Protein backbone atom coordinates (compact mmCIF):
# COMPACT_ATOMS: atom_id res chain seq x y z
CA MET A 1 -16.60 1.25 -3.35
CA ILE A 2 -12.56 1.57 -2.95
CA VAL A 3 -10.73 0.78 -0.37
CA ARG A 4 -7.52 1.18 0.94
CA PHE A 5 -4.34 -1.43 1.35
CA HIS A 6 -2.20 0.13 4.59
CA ILE A 7 1.29 -1.47 3.85
CA ASP A 8 3.91 -0.94 6.45
CA PRO A 9 7.68 -3.18 6.90
CA MET A 10 7.40 -5.18 10.01
CA GLU A 11 11.07 -6.98 10.00
CA GLN A 12 13.89 -6.66 7.24
CA ASP A 13 12.62 -8.15 4.18
CA GLN A 14 9.39 -8.79 6.22
CA TYR A 15 6.16 -6.86 5.38
CA GLU A 16 2.34 -6.42 6.74
CA TYR A 17 -0.48 -5.69 4.62
CA ARG A 18 -4.71 -4.21 5.64
CA VAL A 19 -7.19 -3.57 3.68
CA THR A 20 -9.97 -0.79 4.91
CA ASN A 21 -13.29 0.55 3.54
CA GLU A 22 -14.03 3.75 5.87
CA GLY A 23 -11.93 3.22 8.30
CA GLU A 24 -13.65 -0.52 9.02
CA ALA A 25 -11.15 -2.96 8.71
CA LEU A 26 -11.57 -6.28 5.53
CA TYR A 27 -8.34 -8.05 5.85
CA ASP A 28 -5.38 -8.55 6.45
CA ASP A 29 -2.07 -10.73 6.32
CA ALA A 30 1.77 -10.83 7.63
CA GLY A 31 5.20 -11.44 6.37
CA LEU A 32 4.85 -10.88 3.18
CA ASP A 33 7.99 -10.82 1.00
CA SER A 34 8.06 -7.74 -0.59
CA ILE A 35 5.28 -4.83 -0.93
CA GLU A 36 4.33 -5.74 -4.25
CA ALA A 37 3.22 -9.33 -2.52
CA CYS A 38 1.07 -7.33 0.12
CA ILE A 39 -0.51 -4.76 -3.52
CA VAL A 40 -1.03 -8.92 -5.14
CA ALA A 41 -2.62 -10.87 -1.83
CA ALA A 42 -4.56 -7.32 -1.05
CA THR A 43 -6.12 -7.13 -4.21
CA GLU A 44 -6.50 -11.29 -5.15
CA GLY A 45 -9.18 -10.78 -1.62
CA LEU A 46 -11.52 -7.84 -3.03
CA GLY A 47 -14.63 -8.88 -3.64
CA ARG A 48 -16.68 -7.95 -6.55
CA ASP A 49 -18.15 -4.08 -4.42
CA ALA A 50 -14.35 -3.49 -4.91
CA VAL A 51 -13.72 -0.47 -7.71
CA ALA A 52 -10.52 1.23 -6.50
CA ALA A 53 -7.98 0.90 -3.76
CA GLU A 54 -5.79 3.75 -2.78
CA VAL A 55 -2.59 2.06 -1.62
CA ALA A 56 -0.95 3.64 1.52
CA TYR A 57 2.71 2.48 2.58
CA LYS A 58 4.10 3.86 6.15
CA GLY A 59 1.19 6.24 6.65
CA ILE A 60 1.79 7.76 3.09
CA ILE A 61 -1.04 7.73 0.60
CA SER A 62 1.24 7.15 -2.88
CA GLY A 63 -1.83 7.03 -5.04
CA THR A 64 -5.73 5.22 -5.62
CA TYR A 65 -5.49 2.90 -8.57
CA ALA A 66 -8.38 1.02 -10.81
CA LEU A 67 -7.99 -2.98 -9.75
CA ALA A 68 -7.52 -3.69 -13.12
CA SER A 69 -4.12 -1.43 -12.46
CA LEU A 70 -3.42 -3.00 -9.58
CA ALA A 71 -3.72 -6.37 -10.84
CA LEU A 72 -1.48 -5.28 -14.41
CA VAL A 73 1.50 -3.06 -12.67
CA SER A 74 1.55 -4.01 -9.43
CA ALA A 75 5.19 -4.25 -9.54
CA GLN A 76 5.24 -0.75 -10.69
CA ILE A 77 3.05 0.47 -7.66
CA ALA A 78 5.02 -0.73 -5.39
CA GLU A 79 7.87 1.51 -6.26
CA HIS A 80 5.92 4.40 -6.54
CA ALA A 81 4.70 3.77 -3.03
CA LEU A 82 8.41 3.43 -1.86
CA GLN A 83 9.20 6.19 -3.73
CA THR A 84 6.87 8.73 -2.80
CA THR A 85 7.35 7.60 1.26
CA MET A 86 10.84 7.91 0.91
CA ALA A 87 10.47 11.48 -0.83
CA ILE A 88 8.51 12.62 1.72
CA GLU A 89 10.22 11.07 5.02
CA GLU A 90 13.41 12.99 3.07
CA ALA A 91 11.44 16.27 3.21
CA GLU A 92 10.86 16.04 6.89
CA ASN A 93 14.10 14.82 8.32
CA SER A 94 15.52 17.49 6.15
CA GLY A 95 12.67 20.26 7.55
CA LEU A 96 13.56 19.54 11.22
CA SER A 97 16.97 19.99 10.62
CA ALA A 98 16.88 23.72 8.81
């Protein structure tokens, strides 16, 4: 199964995540100090049925990653999620002002 990690900012330097499978919530947590911490915690909670996860930050999916990748390069995946979301938000904002 491929799950989705929904990661969102809460307040300054605080994040929350929710893990879903086909729209059904599996588990969640809040109050983590980084996007990477959310990815690590979400990965640690996965059972043997999961083979990969889609990572979404602020509702924008940045990629689908095999479990081994999530564990080995969580910092890079977190940075990619942040950059992807920022780029899309910037494009949306510049499109509104045109």
